[in-house]
Amino acid sequence: MNKFKGSIAILGSGNIGISLAKGLVKSNYAEPGQISLTRRNISGLSALAEQGFVVSDDNAAVVANADIVVLAVLPQQLNNLLAQIEAVVDDKKQVFISVASGVSCIDIRSKLGENVQVIRAMPNTAIAIGQSMTCVATDNATAENVAEVIRMFETVGSVVKINEDLMTSATALCACGIAFFLRAIRAASQGGVEIGFHADEALKMAVQTAKGAADLLLLMQSHPEQEIDKVTSPKGCTIAGLNEMEHNGFSSSLIKGIKLSAIKAGALYTKE
């Protein structure tokens, strides 16, 4: 991979920000010294400072020297952050990446200036192991900058470029979706305990089975129903179990949960 030549500021170094920074270094996209991490209390970043990352509690100072700025704070904290950095924004050289749910590109430009290039990105917590599903969208960034941001997030998983009006949907399906699939795995492991396995055994078996199911679809490029058909025989135990789950609303509840999460994701940010 060709290394990025500029500097990167990650404002709000929580789980997502730190995981992104580590992924960029691990994949040889950038050196630690090219990446600045900010947090109100920088004592929690001391280990990263020892690894060569630049750490700071001064968002404006970090942004002033950055080429790419990642806004990695909660939606409720974003307006205060934008107010801190507004005076040092350089719309001719900088691109801003926002991972804040429910915040549009226009919302950010209304605070930083109408010519600022903004790209939204929605990763999930699997970014910590380089397995994120990240969706990116923009309404004004150049193709070159979009390609660079996609290259960044490909260091920590898979990336899909989507229309911006689908970003709250991406939040529900991919970011919230991690929790939904984890809950399904947890439920499967509890079922395993009910039928005789110890809890640790049941969890290991459920996790590996779920991983195998996902890998089947990724590697075979098949539809879930194709793979389901391979394990459901007439009057068999698999179809009996599936039908019992469907009678109790398994698919319906998952669909309803995703839809409600999308509605909630779109209402997290207050413009004022």
Protein backbone atom coordinates (compact mmCIF):
# COMPACT_ATOMS: atom_id res chain seq x y z
CA MET A 1 0.00 0.00 0.00
CA ASN A 2 1.21 3.52 -0.83
CA LYS A 3 1.55 5.46 2.39
CA PHE A 4 -0.50 8.56 3.00
CA LYS A 5 1.82 11.57 2.90
CA GLY A 6 -0.14 14.07 4.99
CA SER A 7 -1.30 14.37 8.57
CA ILE A 8 -4.46 12.98 10.16
CA ALA A 9 -6.32 14.39 13.16
CA ILE A 10 -8.78 12.14 14.99
CA LEU A 11 -10.90 14.28 17.29
CA GLY A 12 -12.58 12.31 20.04
CA SER A 13 -10.38 9.27 20.54
CA GLY A 14 -12.79 6.69 21.89
CA ASN A 15 -13.11 3.10 20.69
CA ILE A 16 -13.76 3.96 17.04
CA GLY A 17 -11.09 6.68 16.80
CA ILE A 18 -8.37 4.65 18.47
CA SER A 19 -9.21 1.52 16.48
CA LEU A 20 -9.00 3.51 13.25
CA ALA A 21 -5.63 4.98 14.24
CA LYS A 22 -4.21 1.56 15.07
CA GLY A 23 -5.59 0.08 11.86
CA LEU A 24 -3.99 2.80 9.74
CA VAL A 25 -0.60 2.06 11.28
CA LYS A 26 -0.95 -1.72 11.24
CA SER A 27 -1.82 -1.69 7.53
CA ASN A 28 1.13 0.63 6.79
CA TYR A 29 -1.21 3.38 5.59
CA ALA A 30 0.50 5.90 7.87
CA GLU A 31 3.12 6.21 10.61
CA PRO A 32 2.05 6.93 14.20
CA GLY A 33 3.69 10.36 14.04
CA GLN A 34 1.34 11.37 11.23
CA ILE A 35 -1.74 10.77 13.40
CA SER A 36 -2.90 13.11 16.15
CA LEU A 37 -5.43 11.91 18.71
CA THR A 38 -7.43 14.25 20.92
CA ARG A 39 -9.41 13.73 24.08
CA ARG A 40 -10.40 16.01 26.95
CA ASN A 41 -8.40 13.86 29.37
CA ILE A 42 -5.26 12.74 27.56
CA SER A 43 -4.05 10.52 30.40
CA GLY A 44 -6.04 7.72 28.78
CA LEU A 45 -3.90 8.10 25.65
CA SER A 46 -0.51 7.70 27.33
CA ALA A 47 0.07 4.21 25.92
CA LEU A 48 -0.59 5.52 22.41
CA ALA A 49 1.79 8.43 22.96
CA GLU A 50 4.48 5.89 23.84
CA GLN A 51 3.79 4.18 20.51
CA GLY A 52 4.54 7.43 18.67
CA PHE A 53 1.07 8.88 18.15
CA VAL A 54 0.65 12.59 18.79
CA VAL A 55 -1.83 13.18 21.63
CA SER A 56 -3.44 16.47 22.57
CA ASP A 57 -6.38 18.06 24.37
CA ASP A 58 -6.32 21.06 22.00
CA ASN A 59 -8.61 20.31 19.07
CA ALA A 60 -7.98 23.58 17.27
CA ALA A 61 -4.19 23.25 17.37
CA VAL A 62 -4.36 19.73 15.98
CA VAL A 63 -6.80 20.65 13.19
CA ALA A 64 -4.65 23.62 12.12
CA ASN A 65 -1.91 21.21 11.03
CA ALA A 66 -4.09 18.41 9.60
CA ASP A 67 -4.96 17.36 6.07
CA ILE A 68 -7.65 14.86 7.06
CA VAL A 69 -9.80 15.54 10.11
CA VAL A 70 -11.91 12.74 11.59
CA LEU A 71 -14.82 13.92 13.74
CA ALA A 72 -15.26 10.94 16.06
CA VAL A 73 -17.37 12.37 18.89
CA LEU A 74 -20.96 11.63 19.84
CA PRO A 75 -23.63 13.59 17.94
CA GLN A 76 -24.53 15.44 21.14
CA GLN A 77 -20.92 16.68 21.45
CA LEU A 78 -20.41 17.69 17.83
CA ASN A 79 -21.61 21.30 17.86
CA ASN A 80 -19.26 22.20 20.69
CA LEU A 81 -16.37 20.55 18.86
CA LEU A 82 -17.13 22.38 15.61
CA ALA A 83 -17.22 25.68 17.46
CA GLN A 84 -13.73 24.97 18.82
CA ILE A 85 -12.17 24.34 15.40
CA GLU A 86 -14.13 26.66 13.10
CA ALA A 87 -11.49 29.41 13.09
CA VAL A 88 -8.65 27.14 11.92
CA VAL A 89 -10.45 25.28 9.13
CA ASP A 90 -8.77 25.46 5.72
CA ASP A 91 -11.31 24.41 3.08
CA LYS A 92 -8.67 24.47 0.34
CA LYS A 93 -6.55 21.65 1.76
CA GLN A 94 -8.62 19.78 4.35
CA VAL A 95 -11.23 17.07 4.12
CA PHE A 96 -13.47 16.28 7.09
CA ILE A 97 -14.72 12.79 7.90
CA SER A 98 -17.65 12.54 10.28
CA VAL A 99 -18.60 9.32 12.06
CA ALA A 100 -21.36 11.03 14.08
CA SER A 101 -24.75 9.38 13.61
CA GLY A 102 -27.55 11.44 12.11
CA VAL A 103 -25.38 14.44 11.20
CA SER A 104 -25.53 15.42 7.54
CA CYS A 105 -22.75 16.91 5.45
CA ILE A 106 -24.81 20.11 5.23
CA ASP A 107 -25.12 20.24 9.03
CA ILE A 108 -21.32 20.27 9.34
CA ARG A 109 -20.78 22.79 6.55
CA SER A 110 -23.30 25.11 8.19
CA LYS A 111 -20.85 25.34 11.11
CA LEU A 112 -17.49 25.19 9.30
CA GLY A 113 -18.19 26.90 5.97
CA GLU A 114 -20.04 26.05 2.78
CA ASN A 115 -16.90 25.09 0.83
CA VAL A 116 -15.61 22.54 3.34
CA GLN A 117 -15.46 19.02 1.92
CA VAL A 118 -17.26 16.58 4.21
CA ILE A 119 -17.48 12.80 3.93
CA ARG A 120 -19.61 10.77 6.30
CA ALA A 121 -18.42 7.35 7.43
CA MET A 122 -20.27 4.80 9.52
CA PRO A 123 -18.00 1.99 10.78
CA ASN A 124 -18.92 -0.51 13.49
CA THR A 125 -17.10 -1.82 16.55
CA ALA A 126 -15.54 -4.69 14.60
CA ILE A 127 -13.14 -1.97 13.45
CA ALA A 128 -11.14 -2.99 16.54
CA ILE A 129 -10.16 -6.26 14.82
CA GLY A 130 -10.02 -4.95 11.26
CA GLN A 131 -13.42 -6.40 10.35
CA SER A 132 -15.65 -3.33 10.23
CA MET A 133 -18.41 -2.84 7.68
CA THR A 134 -18.07 0.86 6.89
CA CYS A 135 -20.43 2.88 4.72
CA VAL A 136 -19.28 6.21 3.29
CA ALA A 137 -21.25 9.02 1.67
CA THR A 138 -20.80 12.63 0.61
CA ASP A 139 -22.60 15.41 -1.20
CA ASN A 140 -19.66 17.58 -2.23
CA ALA A 141 -16.28 15.89 -1.81
CA THR A 142 -14.10 15.27 -4.84
CA ALA A 143 -13.75 11.79 -6.27
CA GLU A 144 -10.09 11.89 -5.25
CA ASN A 145 -10.90 12.59 -1.61
CA VAL A 146 -13.65 9.97 -1.54
CA ALA A 147 -11.21 7.40 -2.92
CA GLU A 148 -8.69 8.32 -0.21
CA VAL A 149 -11.26 7.95 2.56
CA ILE A 150 -12.37 4.59 1.18
CA ARG A 151 -8.72 3.51 1.13
CA MET A 152 -8.39 4.60 4.76
CA PHE A 153 -11.34 2.56 5.97
CA GLU A 154 -10.41 -0.46 3.88
CA THR A 155 -7.47 -0.82 6.27
CA VAL A 156 -9.97 -1.76 8.99
CA GLY A 157 -12.55 -3.81 7.07
CA SER A 158 -14.88 -3.61 4.10
CA VAL A 159 -16.28 -0.38 2.63
CA VAL A 160 -19.39 0.44 0.60
CA LYS A 161 -20.09 3.89 -0.88
CA ILE A 162 -23.78 4.80 -0.57
CA ASN A 163 -26.05 7.80 -1.07
CA GLU A 164 -26.10 10.11 1.92
CA ASP A 165 -29.84 9.69 2.49
CA LEU A 166 -29.13 6.05 3.41
CA MET A 167 -26.59 6.80 6.15
CA THR A 168 -29.04 6.49 9.04
CA SER A 169 -30.15 3.18 7.55
CA ALA A 170 -26.49 2.11 7.41
CA THR A 171 -26.17 3.02 11.08
CA ALA A 172 -29.04 0.69 11.97
CA LEU A 173 -27.98 -2.21 9.76
CA CYS A 174 -24.21 -2.13 10.29
CA ALA A 175 -23.38 -0.21 13.47
CA CYS A 176 -26.39 -1.22 15.57
CA GLY A 177 -26.45 -4.50 13.67
CA ILE A 178 -23.36 -5.74 15.50
CA ALA A 179 -25.44 -5.82 18.70
CA PHE A 180 -28.32 -7.61 16.97
CA PHE A 181 -26.13 -10.43 15.71
CA LEU A 182 -24.34 -10.66 19.07
CA ARG A 183 -27.71 -11.03 20.79
CA ALA A 184 -28.64 -13.80 18.35
CA ILE A 185 -25.39 -15.60 19.18
CA ARG A 186 -26.06 -15.15 22.88
CA ALA A 187 -29.54 -16.60 22.48
CA ALA A 188 -28.18 -19.57 20.55
CA SER A 189 -25.65 -20.27 23.29
CA GLN A 190 -28.41 -20.15 25.91
CA GLY A 191 -30.34 -22.65 23.84
CA GLY A 192 -27.24 -24.82 23.86
CA VAL A 193 -27.17 -24.76 27.65
CA GLU A 194 -30.82 -25.81 27.76
CA ILE A 195 -30.07 -28.87 25.65
CA GLY A 196 -27.14 -30.00 27.75
CA PHE A 197 -23.89 -28.10 27.05
CA HIS A 198 -21.87 -26.15 29.57
CA ALA A 199 -22.10 -22.38 29.05
CA ASP A 200 -18.53 -21.96 27.77
CA GLU A 201 -18.91 -24.86 25.36
CA ALA A 202 -22.26 -23.60 24.09
CA LEU A 203 -20.90 -20.10 23.50
CA LYS A 204 -17.86 -21.37 21.61
CA MET A 205 -20.07 -23.56 19.44
CA ALA A 206 -22.56 -20.77 18.74
CA VAL A 207 -19.82 -18.26 17.87
CA GLN A 208 -18.05 -20.59 15.46
CA THR A 209 -21.34 -21.63 13.86
CA ALA A 210 -22.28 -17.99 13.30
CA LYS A 211 -18.84 -17.24 11.88
CA GLY A 212 -19.12 -20.21 9.56
CA ALA A 213 -22.53 -19.06 8.34
CA ALA A 214 -21.20 -15.56 7.57
CA ASP A 215 -18.09 -16.90 5.84
CA LEU A 216 -20.22 -19.23 3.72
CA LEU A 217 -22.11 -16.25 2.31
CA LEU A 218 -18.98 -14.16 1.82
CA LEU A 219 -16.89 -16.84 0.18
CA MET A 220 -19.61 -18.61 -1.79
CA GLN A 221 -21.34 -15.35 -2.80
CA SER A 222 -24.62 -17.12 -2.22
CA HIS A 223 -27.99 -16.11 -0.79
CA PRO A 224 -28.87 -17.15 2.78
CA GLU A 225 -31.83 -19.22 1.57
CA GLN A 226 -29.58 -21.22 -0.75
CA GLU A 227 -27.44 -22.27 2.22
CA ILE A 228 -30.52 -22.86 4.40
CA ASP A 229 -31.93 -25.22 1.76
CA LYS A 230 -28.78 -27.33 2.04
CA VAL A 231 -29.48 -28.12 5.69
CA THR A 232 -33.26 -28.48 5.64
CA SER A 233 -34.59 -31.91 4.72
CA PRO A 234 -38.26 -32.99 4.54
CA LYS A 235 -39.72 -33.52 8.02
CA GLY A 236 -36.26 -32.77 9.42
CA CYS A 237 -35.10 -31.14 12.63
CA THR A 238 -33.70 -27.97 11.01
CA ILE A 239 -36.93 -26.93 9.30
CA ALA A 240 -38.86 -27.71 12.47
CA GLY A 241 -36.63 -25.38 14.47
CA LEU A 242 -36.71 -22.64 11.82
CA ASN A 243 -40.48 -22.72 11.57
CA GLU A 244 -40.87 -22.57 15.34
CA MET A 245 -38.66 -19.44 15.41
CA GLU A 246 -40.64 -17.85 12.58
CA HIS A 247 -43.96 -18.62 14.30
CA ASN A 248 -42.59 -16.66 17.26
CA GLY A 249 -41.58 -13.69 15.16
CA PHE A 250 -37.83 -14.20 14.67
CA SER A 251 -37.46 -12.49 11.28
CA SER A 252 -40.20 -9.97 11.97
CA SER A 253 -38.68 -8.82 15.26
CA LEU A 254 -35.25 -8.38 13.69
CA ILE A 255 -36.71 -6.32 10.85
CA LYS A 256 -38.72 -4.18 13.26
CA GLY A 257 -35.66 -3.64 15.45
CA ILE A 258 -33.56 -2.45 12.49
CA LYS A 259 -36.32 -0.07 11.39
CA LEU A 260 -36.69 1.44 14.87
CA SER A 261 -32.91 1.85 15.24
CA ALA A 262 -32.83 3.75 11.93
CA ILE A 263 -35.50 6.15 13.21
CA LYS A 264 -33.59 6.69 16.47
CA ALA A 265 -30.27 7.18 14.66
CA GLY A 266 -31.73 9.98 12.62
CA ALA A 267 -32.83 11.87 15.72
CA LEU A 268 -29.61 11.83 17.79
CA TYR A 269 -28.23 15.16 16.59
CA THR A 270 -29.60 18.54 17.64
CA LYS A 271 -28.78 21.18 15.06
CA GLU A 272 -28.84 24.12 17.47
